[in-house]
Amino acid sequence: MTAKAKSKKVTDDMLFTMYMEYVLEHETNPKSVYKFCKLNSISEAEFYGIFGSLETLQKEIWNKFYINTHNLLLNNKEFDNFSNKDKMLTFFYTFFEMLTLNRSYVLFALKQESNPLRNLEQLKGLRRHFKNFAKDLIDAGNDGKVLKVLQHNLEVFSEGAWLQFLFLLKFWMDDESARFEKTDIAIEKSVNTVFELFDNTPLENIMDFGKFLYKETFA
């Protein structure tokens, strides 16, 4: 008798794929870990060995988008020599290309609740990653400023960068142009504008701009 072949080890990437395929095929989230595992012929123990809940899995998908983007940037040997503005531009272009590859899932995930703010709860981990990336750029920019008064506050300006990201995310979601060319233009214009504002505009005006982006995104 031939021994039964050992089943393939379940990984986080496998669960991401299973989850994304499930919601796209059924147009709803799985009702329970039990049903999700049974449908995909895996055990609950295998699932819980990686994620504590379906909600955690959903959040980790966004973290994976960031990690994949960041790894692509690190693999670009020229990236370290880019200006801070070009690093931010490259990040946005790469990240939105990643989202475009998964557009059907992303649109579902961000539109499943009628309240837009509830849909953003799944982005908490992504927000932390992105703000840390922005802080690194801001910190690098501060190194070249001798006077402390000219240096940018890491928390305030990284939060402004996050609001800019949310604005671009909403723009991309609504973009119907071929190859999402309008989103590319919006990325370029917004990054150029924000860096110009950060360099030449008083802090209170920066905060007003951040409030404008927030209003335009969620109004």
Protein backbone atom coordinates (compact mmCIF):
# COMPACT_ATOMS: atom_id res chain seq x y z
CA MET A 1 0.00 0.00 0.00
CA THR A 2 1.38 3.38 -0.95
CA ALA A 3 1.77 5.77 1.95
CA LYS A 4 -0.52 8.79 1.80
CA ALA A 5 1.37 11.82 0.53
CA LYS A 6 2.02 14.42 3.18
CA SER A 7 -0.12 17.49 2.65
CA LYS A 8 1.62 20.70 1.70
CA LYS A 9 2.41 22.99 4.62
CA VAL A 10 -0.03 25.88 4.91
CA THR A 11 1.64 29.31 4.71
CA ASP A 12 0.43 32.86 5.17
CA ASP A 13 0.64 33.44 1.41
CA MET A 14 -1.59 30.41 0.81
CA LEU A 15 -4.17 31.74 3.28
CA PHE A 16 -4.04 35.19 1.66
CA THR A 17 -4.81 33.63 -1.73
CA MET A 18 -7.59 31.43 -0.32
CA TYR A 19 -9.19 34.38 1.44
CA MET A 20 -9.01 36.76 -1.50
CA GLU A 21 -10.40 34.14 -3.89
CA TYR A 22 -13.21 33.37 -1.45
CA VAL A 23 -14.45 36.95 -1.11
CA LEU A 24 -14.25 37.55 -4.86
CA GLU A 25 -16.14 34.38 -5.72
CA HIS A 26 -18.77 34.72 -2.99
CA GLU A 27 -18.89 38.54 -2.78
CA THR A 28 -18.91 38.35 1.00
CA ASN A 29 -16.48 37.59 3.82
CA PRO A 30 -16.26 34.05 5.22
CA LYS A 31 -18.71 33.59 8.10
CA SER A 32 -16.33 31.60 10.29
CA VAL A 33 -12.86 30.12 10.42
CA TYR A 34 -14.44 26.67 10.50
CA LYS A 35 -16.32 27.13 7.21
CA PHE A 36 -13.35 28.85 5.59
CA CYS A 37 -11.03 25.99 6.52
CA LYS A 38 -13.50 23.27 5.52
CA LEU A 39 -14.00 24.83 2.09
CA ASN A 40 -10.24 24.97 1.54
CA SER A 41 -9.54 21.50 2.97
CA ILE A 42 -7.26 22.69 5.75
CA SER A 43 -7.55 22.24 9.50
CA GLU A 44 -8.43 24.99 11.95
CA ALA A 45 -5.16 24.19 13.75
CA GLU A 46 -3.24 25.06 10.57
CA PHE A 47 -5.12 28.35 10.28
CA TYR A 48 -4.70 29.33 13.93
CA GLY A 49 -1.03 28.48 13.74
CA ILE A 50 -0.66 31.54 11.50
CA PHE A 51 -3.58 33.91 12.22
CA GLY A 52 -5.76 34.38 15.28
CA SER A 53 -8.87 35.37 13.32
CA LEU A 54 -10.20 36.15 9.85
CA GLU A 55 -10.05 39.85 10.76
CA THR A 56 -6.34 39.53 11.49
CA LEU A 57 -5.79 37.80 8.16
CA GLN A 58 -7.59 40.64 6.40
CA LYS A 59 -5.35 43.25 8.04
CA GLU A 60 -2.24 41.24 7.25
CA ILE A 61 -3.07 41.32 3.55
CA TRP A 62 -2.48 45.08 3.64
CA ASN A 63 0.75 44.61 5.57
CA LYS A 64 1.82 42.14 2.88
CA PHE A 65 1.15 44.74 0.17
CA TYR A 66 3.48 47.10 2.04
CA ILE A 67 6.18 44.49 2.67
CA ASN A 68 6.20 43.40 -0.99
CA THR A 69 6.45 47.04 -2.06
CA HIS A 70 9.24 47.79 0.40
CA ASN A 71 11.20 44.72 -0.70
CA LEU A 72 10.97 45.81 -4.33
CA LEU A 73 12.36 49.22 -3.35
CA LEU A 74 15.22 47.64 -1.40
CA ASN A 75 16.06 45.44 -4.39
CA ASN A 76 16.49 48.56 -6.52
CA LYS A 77 20.21 49.31 -6.16
CA GLU A 78 19.67 52.95 -7.13
CA PHE A 79 16.93 53.60 -4.54
CA ASP A 80 19.29 54.66 -1.73
CA ASN A 81 20.67 57.43 -3.96
CA PHE A 82 17.24 58.89 -4.75
CA SER A 83 16.16 62.20 -3.24
CA ASN A 84 13.49 61.97 -0.53
CA LYS A 85 10.90 63.22 -3.00
CA ASP A 86 11.87 60.57 -5.57
CA LYS A 87 11.79 57.89 -2.87
CA MET A 88 8.23 58.87 -1.99
CA LEU A 89 7.23 58.98 -5.65
CA THR A 90 8.76 55.55 -6.26
CA PHE A 91 7.00 54.14 -3.22
CA PHE A 92 3.60 55.43 -4.34
CA TYR A 93 4.04 54.25 -7.94
CA THR A 94 5.13 50.79 -6.79
CA PHE A 95 2.48 50.45 -4.10
CA PHE A 96 -0.38 51.42 -6.41
CA GLU A 97 0.93 49.02 -9.04
CA MET A 98 0.67 46.36 -6.33
CA LEU A 99 -2.90 47.42 -5.58
CA THR A 100 -3.79 47.41 -9.28
CA LEU A 101 -2.69 43.78 -9.53
CA ASN A 102 -5.23 43.06 -6.78
CA ARG A 103 -7.78 45.75 -7.67
CA SER A 104 -10.92 43.59 -7.50
CA TYR A 105 -10.10 42.46 -3.97
CA VAL A 106 -9.04 45.94 -2.80
CA LEU A 107 -12.25 47.54 -4.07
CA PHE A 108 -14.31 44.88 -2.32
CA ALA A 109 -12.38 45.23 0.94
CA LEU A 110 -12.69 49.02 1.00
CA LYS A 111 -16.38 49.12 0.07
CA GLN A 112 -17.82 46.28 2.15
CA GLU A 113 -19.11 48.63 4.88
CA SER A 114 -21.40 51.59 4.20
CA ASN A 115 -19.34 53.67 6.63
CA PRO A 116 -15.97 54.43 4.93
CA LEU A 117 -14.24 54.88 8.27
CA ARG A 118 -15.07 51.30 9.29
CA ASN A 119 -13.47 50.04 6.10
CA LEU A 120 -10.26 51.83 7.05
CA GLU A 121 -9.91 49.85 10.29
CA GLN A 122 -8.17 47.10 8.32
CA LEU A 123 -5.42 49.61 7.37
CA LYS A 124 -4.10 50.12 10.92
CA GLY A 125 -1.02 47.99 10.35
CA LEU A 126 -0.40 49.56 6.95
CA ARG A 127 -0.69 53.02 8.54
CA ARG A 128 2.02 52.14 11.06
CA HIS A 129 4.34 50.80 8.34
CA PHE A 130 3.75 53.77 6.05
CA LYS A 131 4.24 56.37 8.78
CA ASN A 132 7.54 54.75 9.76
CA PHE A 133 8.63 54.90 6.11
CA ALA A 134 7.66 58.60 5.98
CA LYS A 135 9.42 59.29 9.28
CA ASP A 136 12.65 57.84 7.89
CA LEU A 137 12.44 60.24 4.94
CA ILE A 138 11.60 63.20 7.19
CA ASP A 139 14.41 62.31 9.59
CA ALA A 140 16.86 62.12 6.70
CA GLY A 141 15.70 65.56 5.55
CA ASN A 142 16.13 66.97 9.04
CA ASP A 143 19.76 65.84 9.13
CA GLY A 144 20.64 68.52 6.63
CA LYS A 145 19.08 71.32 8.69
CA VAL A 146 21.34 72.81 11.34
CA LEU A 147 18.68 75.01 12.94
CA LYS A 148 16.15 73.03 14.95
CA VAL A 149 13.39 75.49 14.05
CA LEU A 150 13.74 74.44 10.40
CA GLN A 151 13.41 70.74 11.16
CA HIS A 152 10.10 68.96 10.57
CA ASN A 153 8.14 67.28 13.36
CA LEU A 154 8.20 63.55 12.62
CA GLU A 155 4.75 62.78 13.99
CA VAL A 156 2.96 65.73 12.39
CA PHE A 157 4.52 65.39 8.96
CA SER A 158 4.23 61.59 8.82
CA GLU A 159 0.53 61.94 9.64
CA GLY A 160 0.27 64.44 6.79
CA ALA A 161 1.91 61.90 4.48
CA TRP A 162 -0.65 59.29 5.59
CA LEU A 163 -3.52 61.66 4.78
CA GLN A 164 -1.95 62.19 1.38
CA PHE A 165 -1.88 58.42 0.89
CA LEU A 166 -5.58 58.13 1.79
CA PHE A 167 -6.41 60.88 -0.69
CA LEU A 168 -4.51 59.02 -3.44
CA LEU A 169 -6.14 55.72 -2.46
CA LYS A 170 -9.61 57.23 -2.88
CA PHE A 171 -8.53 58.81 -6.18
CA TRP A 172 -7.26 55.45 -7.45
CA MET A 173 -10.48 53.71 -6.40
CA ASP A 174 -12.52 56.18 -8.47
CA ASP A 175 -10.08 56.31 -11.39
CA GLU A 176 -11.54 54.95 -14.64
CA SER A 177 -8.73 56.05 -16.95
CA ALA A 178 -6.81 53.53 -19.06
CA ARG A 179 -3.95 51.97 -17.07
CA PHE A 180 -4.98 54.35 -14.27
CA GLU A 181 -2.91 57.09 -15.87
CA LYS A 182 -4.79 59.80 -13.95
CA THR A 183 -3.66 58.23 -10.68
CA ASP A 184 -0.04 58.42 -11.84
CA ILE A 185 -0.54 62.10 -12.60
CA ALA A 186 -2.23 62.65 -9.22
CA ILE A 187 0.71 60.95 -7.47
CA GLU A 188 3.26 63.13 -9.23
CA LYS A 189 1.38 66.38 -8.67
CA SER A 190 0.51 65.65 -5.03
CA VAL A 191 4.04 64.60 -4.08
CA ASN A 192 5.55 67.65 -5.80
CA THR A 193 3.00 69.91 -4.08
CA VAL A 194 3.45 68.36 -0.65
CA PHE A 195 7.24 68.57 -0.74
CA GLU A 196 7.01 72.18 -1.85
CA LEU A 197 4.56 72.90 0.97
CA PHE A 198 6.73 71.16 3.55
CA ASP A 199 9.77 73.17 2.53
CA ASN A 200 8.17 76.59 2.19
CA THR A 201 4.92 76.70 4.18
CA PRO A 202 4.22 77.40 7.88
CA LEU A 203 3.12 74.44 9.99
CA GLU A 204 -0.45 75.68 10.46
CA ASN A 205 -0.94 75.79 6.70
CA ILE A 206 0.35 72.23 6.44
CA MET A 207 -2.27 71.14 8.95
CA ASP A 208 -4.98 72.97 6.98
CA PHE A 209 -3.84 71.13 3.85
CA GLY A 210 -4.03 67.82 5.72
CA LYS A 211 -7.59 68.60 6.83
CA PHE A 212 -8.47 69.42 3.22
CA LEU A 213 -7.14 66.06 2.01
CA TYR A 214 -9.09 64.28 4.73
CA LYS A 215 -12.31 66.11 3.82
CA GLU A 216 -11.85 65.43 0.11
CA THR A 217 -11.25 61.75 0.82
CA PHE A 218 -14.17 61.04 3.15
CA ALA A 219 -16.75 63.75 2.45
